[in-house]
Amino acid sequence: MQQDAMGIEAERIKARVLWYSFMGAMTQQEIAERLGITRLRVNRIIGQARQDGSVAIDIRVPLASCIELEQRLIKRYELKEATVVPSMADYQQTRRVVGETAGFALDRLLEDGRSIGVGWGTTLSIAIRGLRPRRLQKSWVVALMGGLTRGSGTNTFEVSTELSRALSASCYYLAAPIYCPDEQSRDSLLSHYGLSEVIRLASEVDVALVSCGDLSKRSNLVMTPIVESHLPELHEAGAVGDILGTFIDADGRPVNHPLNRRVLALTPAGLGGIKDAILTAAGTHKHAITRAILQGRFINRLIVDEETALLLL
């Protein structure tokens, strides 16, 4: 599976090189700097393409259509970067490829001294498992949201721990449930120095990796008793899904609902202030919440599958 993602990443880079060279009229040096690869590699890709017929009047690379979608997403939603991967016949496979591709994207942004914030979910867990282990002792990891009371392998505490271990970096947790019993208890928890300090650190990270959830039963958050019991009210309030536990409407605005006033997490607006904020979204059922997050300008890097990208456009 890891080899599949590496193959897709190599093909994606190849398609980008050819797109930028033959369609974007960029120099080899400009392409190398944009993609973070050597000029020699760019030269080899272009030379091979000329020999094997990958380039004619149009670019005959399987992922060329994905590259075009990426450029359209960047322009439409004012993104720093968009990565579109092929949609698989099976949703689990689509999620795997999106997750592994997110791992490659995160890997390129990591360096010692940079801080990383992370959400939760299966896609993020897959992304982190694919990272190259290294020692970033000057870096630190912070959970961007509270967690669940039971482990699942994709819980906030587990995902942030897995990431910190992969990087040999220190880790900070929002050691509380994602939703407090009421607004008063949330305010009380945030008056605690330790938790307020973690929220501050979360708002100041250099890189954030998050996922999102719709309001269907495919969402792990929706399947928790506290959210499931409020589903009719969330629909009535206009929610299309959540980002870091905050439910938003189709325009990217937090809905007026008690859960949003009881959530213990970095706010969507706080996420929007992070230099490199990556959103992963796998599956067409997430297109409405993904569009809402893009409308709200809460993230600036997107990793999505092709069918979902088409719906976003």
Protein backbone atom coordinates (compact mmCIF):
# COMPACT_ATOMS: atom_id res chain seq x y z
CA MET A 1 0.00 0.00 0.00
CA GLN A 2 2.85 2.35 0.84
CA GLN A 3 4.41 1.50 -2.53
CA ASP A 4 1.11 2.37 -4.24
CA ALA A 5 1.17 5.84 -2.67
CA MET A 6 4.84 6.30 -3.58
CA GLY A 7 4.03 5.37 -7.17
CA ILE A 8 1.14 7.84 -7.24
CA GLU A 9 3.40 10.52 -5.76
CA ALA A 10 6.04 9.89 -8.44
CA GLU A 11 3.39 10.07 -11.17
CA ARG A 12 1.98 13.23 -9.62
CA ILE A 13 5.40 14.89 -9.67
CA LYS A 14 5.91 13.76 -13.27
CA ALA A 15 2.56 15.20 -14.30
CA ARG A 16 3.31 18.47 -12.50
CA VAL A 17 6.70 18.79 -14.20
CA LEU A 18 5.16 18.25 -17.64
CA TRP A 19 2.22 20.53 -16.92
CA TYR A 20 4.42 23.39 -15.71
CA SER A 21 6.93 22.91 -18.54
CA PHE A 22 4.66 22.48 -21.56
CA MET A 23 1.49 24.24 -20.42
CA GLY A 24 2.87 26.76 -17.92
CA ALA A 25 5.99 27.68 -19.91
CA MET A 26 8.11 27.55 -16.73
CA THR A 27 11.85 27.00 -16.80
CA GLN A 28 13.37 23.83 -15.38
CA GLN A 29 14.85 25.82 -12.51
CA GLU A 30 11.47 27.39 -11.71
CA ILE A 31 9.83 23.97 -11.74
CA ALA A 32 12.52 22.47 -9.50
CA GLU A 33 12.11 25.27 -6.95
CA ARG A 34 8.32 25.06 -7.02
CA LEU A 35 8.23 21.31 -6.46
CA GLY A 36 11.22 21.08 -4.13
CA ILE A 37 13.14 18.65 -6.35
CA THR A 38 16.45 18.87 -8.20
CA ARG A 39 16.79 20.44 -11.62
CA LEU A 40 18.42 17.19 -12.76
CA ARG A 41 15.26 15.27 -11.90
CA VAL A 42 13.16 17.80 -13.81
CA ASN A 43 15.47 17.44 -16.82
CA ARG A 44 15.23 13.65 -16.73
CA ILE A 45 11.42 13.66 -16.52
CA ILE A 46 11.10 16.02 -19.49
CA GLY A 47 13.67 14.08 -21.51
CA GLN A 48 11.94 10.76 -20.84
CA ALA A 49 8.55 12.27 -21.74
CA ARG A 50 9.87 13.39 -25.11
CA GLN A 51 11.16 9.89 -25.79
CA ASP A 52 8.14 7.86 -24.66
CA GLY A 53 5.45 10.06 -26.21
CA SER A 54 3.93 11.30 -22.95
CA VAL A 55 3.82 14.77 -24.47
CA ALA A 56 2.14 15.57 -27.79
CA ILE A 57 -0.32 18.39 -28.45
CA ASP A 58 -1.73 17.63 -25.02
CA ILE A 59 -0.13 15.89 -22.03
CA ARG A 60 -0.80 12.14 -22.15
CA VAL A 61 -0.07 11.50 -18.49
CA PRO A 62 -2.86 9.74 -16.56
CA LEU A 63 -2.91 12.37 -13.81
CA ALA A 64 -2.86 15.40 -16.10
CA SER A 65 -6.60 15.87 -15.45
CA CYS A 66 -5.87 15.92 -11.71
CA ILE A 67 -3.23 18.60 -12.23
CA GLU A 68 -5.76 20.75 -14.08
CA LEU A 69 -8.23 20.32 -11.21
CA GLU A 70 -5.51 21.33 -8.74
CA GLN A 71 -4.88 24.57 -10.62
CA ARG A 72 -8.60 25.35 -10.73
CA LEU A 73 -9.01 24.66 -7.00
CA ILE A 74 -6.05 26.90 -6.17
CA LYS A 75 -7.52 29.73 -8.22
CA ARG A 76 -11.13 29.29 -7.06
CA TYR A 77 -10.37 29.06 -3.34
CA GLU A 78 -7.11 31.08 -3.16
CA LEU A 79 -5.05 28.15 -1.90
CA LYS A 80 -1.29 27.79 -1.56
CA GLU A 81 -1.48 24.24 -2.84
CA ALA A 82 -4.03 21.65 -3.88
CA THR A 83 -3.35 17.97 -4.49
CA VAL A 84 -5.92 15.83 -6.30
CA VAL A 85 -5.52 12.05 -6.34
CA PRO A 86 -7.54 9.54 -8.36
CA SER A 87 -10.78 8.34 -6.75
CA MET A 88 -10.79 4.58 -6.23
CA ALA A 89 -13.78 2.30 -6.69
CA ASP A 90 -13.75 1.53 -2.96
CA TYR A 91 -14.06 4.37 -0.41
CA GLN A 92 -11.58 2.75 1.97
CA GLN A 93 -8.97 2.71 -0.79
CA THR A 94 -9.70 6.35 -1.66
CA ARG A 95 -9.25 7.30 1.98
CA ARG A 96 -5.99 5.35 2.12
CA VAL A 97 -4.54 7.09 -0.93
CA VAL A 98 -5.63 10.52 0.31
CA GLY A 99 -4.10 9.75 3.72
CA GLU A 100 -0.79 8.51 2.33
CA THR A 101 -0.60 11.51 0.00
CA ALA A 102 -1.21 13.77 3.01
CA GLY A 103 1.76 12.09 4.66
CA PHE A 104 3.96 13.07 1.72
CA ALA A 105 2.62 16.63 1.81
CA LEU A 106 3.26 16.97 5.55
CA ASP A 107 6.70 15.40 5.19
CA ARG A 108 7.80 18.17 2.81
CA LEU A 109 6.82 20.87 5.31
CA LEU A 110 8.63 19.40 8.31
CA GLU A 111 11.95 20.67 9.57
CA ASP A 112 13.50 20.97 13.00
CA GLY A 113 12.07 23.87 14.95
CA ARG A 114 8.69 23.91 13.19
CA SER A 115 5.66 23.16 15.36
CA ILE A 116 2.84 20.90 14.18
CA GLY A 117 -0.81 20.83 15.18
CA VAL A 118 -2.97 17.81 14.41
CA GLY A 119 -6.63 16.88 14.53
CA TRP A 120 -8.01 13.36 14.52
CA GLY A 121 -9.44 10.69 12.22
CA THR A 122 -8.52 7.64 10.17
CA THR A 123 -7.10 9.66 7.26
CA LEU A 124 -4.71 11.53 9.55
CA SER A 125 -3.62 8.31 11.23
CA ILE A 126 -2.77 6.87 7.80
CA ALA A 127 -0.84 10.02 6.91
CA ILE A 128 1.27 9.88 10.04
CA ARG A 129 2.09 6.20 9.66
CA GLY A 130 3.65 7.03 6.30
CA LEU A 131 6.04 9.71 7.61
CA ARG A 132 9.78 9.13 7.50
CA PRO A 133 10.93 8.74 11.13
CA ARG A 134 13.36 11.47 12.18
CA ARG A 135 14.50 13.46 15.16
CA LEU A 136 13.05 16.96 15.33
CA GLN A 137 14.01 17.71 18.89
CA LYS A 138 13.43 21.46 18.53
CA SER A 139 9.90 20.87 17.24
CA TRP A 140 6.75 20.06 19.15
CA VAL A 141 3.35 18.56 18.40
CA VAL A 142 0.06 19.80 19.82
CA ALA A 143 -3.43 18.30 19.68
CA LEU A 144 -5.82 20.86 18.20
CA MET A 145 -8.90 19.45 19.92
CA GLY A 146 -10.04 17.50 22.94
CA GLY A 147 -10.60 13.77 22.65
CA LEU A 148 -13.01 10.95 23.18
CA THR A 149 -13.24 8.88 26.34
CA ARG A 150 -12.42 5.65 24.52
CA GLY A 151 -9.54 4.72 22.24
CA SER A 152 -10.01 3.88 18.59
CA GLY A 153 -6.55 4.33 17.08
CA THR A 154 -7.77 7.56 15.49
CA ASN A 155 -8.55 9.50 18.66
CA THR A 156 -6.93 12.92 19.13
CA PHE A 157 -4.62 11.68 21.87
CA GLU A 158 -3.52 8.66 19.84
CA VAL A 159 -2.94 10.57 16.59
CA SER A 160 -0.89 13.32 18.26
CA THR A 161 1.12 10.74 20.23
CA GLU A 162 1.83 8.77 17.05
CA LEU A 163 3.03 11.93 15.30
CA SER A 164 5.28 13.03 18.16
CA ARG A 165 6.86 9.57 18.31
CA ALA A 166 7.54 9.59 14.57
CA LEU A 167 9.34 12.92 14.93
CA SER A 168 10.91 12.32 18.35
CA ALA A 169 9.28 15.61 19.36
CA SER A 170 7.53 16.69 22.55
CA CYS A 171 3.74 16.62 22.60
CA TYR A 172 1.05 18.77 24.20
CA TYR A 173 -2.49 17.49 24.74
CA LEU A 174 -5.86 19.12 25.27
CA ALA A 175 -6.44 16.66 28.10
CA ALA A 176 -10.22 16.99 28.24
CA PRO A 177 -13.29 15.72 26.34
CA ILE A 178 -13.98 17.36 23.01
CA TYR A 179 -17.37 18.56 24.33
CA CYS A 180 -17.84 19.78 27.87
CA PRO A 181 -21.13 19.17 29.74
CA ASP A 182 -22.02 22.87 29.53
CA GLU A 183 -20.55 26.29 28.73
CA GLN A 184 -19.66 26.99 32.34
CA SER A 185 -17.53 23.86 32.66
CA ARG A 186 -15.77 24.72 29.40
CA ASP A 187 -14.98 28.21 30.67
CA SER A 188 -13.77 26.71 33.92
CA LEU A 189 -11.45 24.27 32.13
CA LEU A 190 -10.03 27.02 29.94
CA SER A 191 -9.21 29.04 33.05
CA HIS A 192 -6.78 26.25 33.96
CA TYR A 193 -3.27 27.37 33.03
CA GLY A 194 -2.26 24.09 31.43
CA LEU A 195 -5.23 23.92 29.05
CA SER A 196 -5.20 27.61 28.19
CA GLU A 197 -1.50 27.27 27.37
CA VAL A 198 -2.18 24.35 25.00
CA ILE A 199 -4.88 26.39 23.23
CA ARG A 200 -2.36 29.22 22.84
CA LEU A 201 0.25 26.82 21.45
CA ALA A 202 -2.34 25.38 19.08
CA SER A 203 -3.04 28.81 17.62
CA GLU A 204 0.68 29.44 17.03
CA VAL A 205 1.76 26.25 15.24
CA ASP A 206 3.60 26.52 11.92
CA VAL A 207 1.82 23.57 10.30
CA ALA A 208 -1.62 22.05 10.93
CA LEU A 209 -2.99 18.77 9.57
CA VAL A 210 -6.75 18.33 9.93
CA SER A 211 -9.67 16.41 8.51
CA CYS A 212 -13.39 17.13 8.47
CA GLY A 213 -16.64 15.27 8.99
CA ASP A 214 -20.06 15.43 7.39
CA LEU A 215 -23.32 14.67 9.20
CA SER A 216 -23.69 11.10 7.94
CA LYS A 217 -22.97 7.90 9.84
CA ARG A 218 -19.59 7.73 8.10
CA SER A 219 -18.42 10.43 10.49
CA ASN A 220 -16.83 9.11 13.68
CA LEU A 221 -17.92 12.23 15.52
CA VAL A 222 -21.55 11.86 14.47
CA MET A 223 -21.54 8.32 15.83
CA THR A 224 -20.71 9.53 19.35
CA PRO A 225 -23.83 9.64 21.59
CA ILE A 226 -23.47 13.35 22.38
CA VAL A 227 -23.49 14.41 18.72
CA GLU A 228 -25.95 11.77 17.51
CA SER A 229 -28.53 13.00 20.01
CA HIS A 230 -28.23 16.54 18.60
CA LEU A 231 -28.34 15.67 14.88
CA PRO A 232 -31.89 16.96 14.21
CA GLU A 233 -31.02 20.30 15.83
CA LEU A 234 -27.74 20.56 13.91
CA HIS A 235 -29.56 19.98 10.62
CA GLU A 236 -32.15 22.57 11.59
CA ALA A 237 -29.39 25.07 12.41
CA GLY A 238 -28.00 24.61 8.88
CA ALA A 239 -24.88 22.61 9.72
CA VAL A 240 -23.23 20.63 6.91
CA GLY A 241 -20.45 19.12 9.04
CA ASP A 242 -17.61 19.95 11.39
CA ILE A 243 -14.02 21.12 11.40
CA LEU A 244 -12.18 20.41 14.68
CA GLY A 245 -15.52 19.72 16.33
CA THR A 246 -17.09 23.07 15.40
CA PHE A 247 -20.17 22.68 13.21
CA ILE A 248 -20.44 25.12 10.31
CA ASP A 249 -22.99 25.97 7.63
CA ALA A 250 -22.56 25.91 3.85
CA ASP A 251 -20.96 29.36 3.90
CA GLY A 252 -18.36 28.38 6.49
CA ARG A 253 -20.02 30.11 9.44
CA PRO A 254 -20.27 28.37 12.84
CA VAL A 255 -23.91 27.55 13.47
CA ASN A 256 -25.80 28.71 16.52
CA HIS A 257 -25.86 25.50 18.54
CA PRO A 258 -24.88 24.65 22.16
CA LEU A 259 -22.27 22.10 21.03
CA ASN A 260 -20.27 24.90 19.40
CA ARG A 261 -20.25 26.73 22.72
CA ARG A 262 -19.12 23.59 24.55
CA VAL A 263 -16.36 22.40 22.20
CA LEU A 264 -12.80 22.35 23.48
CA ALA A 265 -10.66 22.92 20.41
CA LEU A 266 -8.93 25.48 18.28
CA THR A 267 -11.59 27.54 16.52
CA PRO A 268 -11.93 27.52 12.71
CA ALA A 269 -10.86 31.17 12.72
CA GLY A 270 -7.77 30.21 14.72
CA LEU A 271 -7.00 27.50 12.19
CA GLY A 272 -7.27 30.09 9.43
CA GLY A 273 -4.40 32.04 10.96
CA ILE A 274 -1.89 29.18 10.65
CA LYS A 275 0.79 29.56 7.97
CA ASP A 276 0.40 26.08 6.49
CA ALA A 277 -2.98 24.50 7.25
CA ILE A 278 -3.62 21.21 5.41
CA LEU A 279 -7.11 19.74 5.02
CA THR A 280 -7.60 16.12 3.93
CA ALA A 281 -10.99 15.14 2.50
CA ALA A 282 -11.71 11.71 1.03
CA GLY A 283 -15.04 10.76 -0.49
CA THR A 284 -17.81 12.66 -2.23
CA HIS A 285 -19.96 12.56 0.91
CA LYS A 286 -17.59 15.20 2.31
CA HIS A 287 -17.88 17.67 -0.56
CA ALA A 288 -20.38 19.98 1.21
CA ILE A 289 -18.35 20.34 4.40
CA THR A 290 -15.12 20.64 2.40
CA ARG A 291 -16.61 23.45 0.31
CA ALA A 292 -17.82 25.17 3.49
CA ILE A 293 -14.31 25.04 4.98
CA LEU A 294 -12.86 26.43 1.75
CA GLN A 295 -15.50 29.17 1.70
CA GLY A 296 -14.51 30.09 5.24
CA ARG A 297 -10.82 30.31 4.23
CA PHE A 298 -9.87 28.17 7.24
CA ILE A 299 -7.15 26.21 5.40
CA ASN A 300 -4.70 26.97 2.59
CA ARG A 301 -3.60 23.50 1.45
CA LEU A 302 -6.05 20.83 0.28
CA ILE A 303 -5.67 17.11 -0.42
CA VAL A 304 -8.74 15.59 -2.00
CA ASP A 305 -9.82 12.83 -4.40
CA GLU A 306 -10.75 13.56 -8.00
CA GLU A 307 -14.52 12.99 -7.78
CA THR A 308 -14.78 15.27 -4.75
CA ALA A 309 -12.63 17.90 -6.50
CA LEU A 310 -15.04 17.92 -9.43
CA LEU A 311 -17.96 18.54 -7.06
CA LEU A 312 -16.04 21.38 -5.39
CA LEU A 313 -15.69 23.01 -8.80
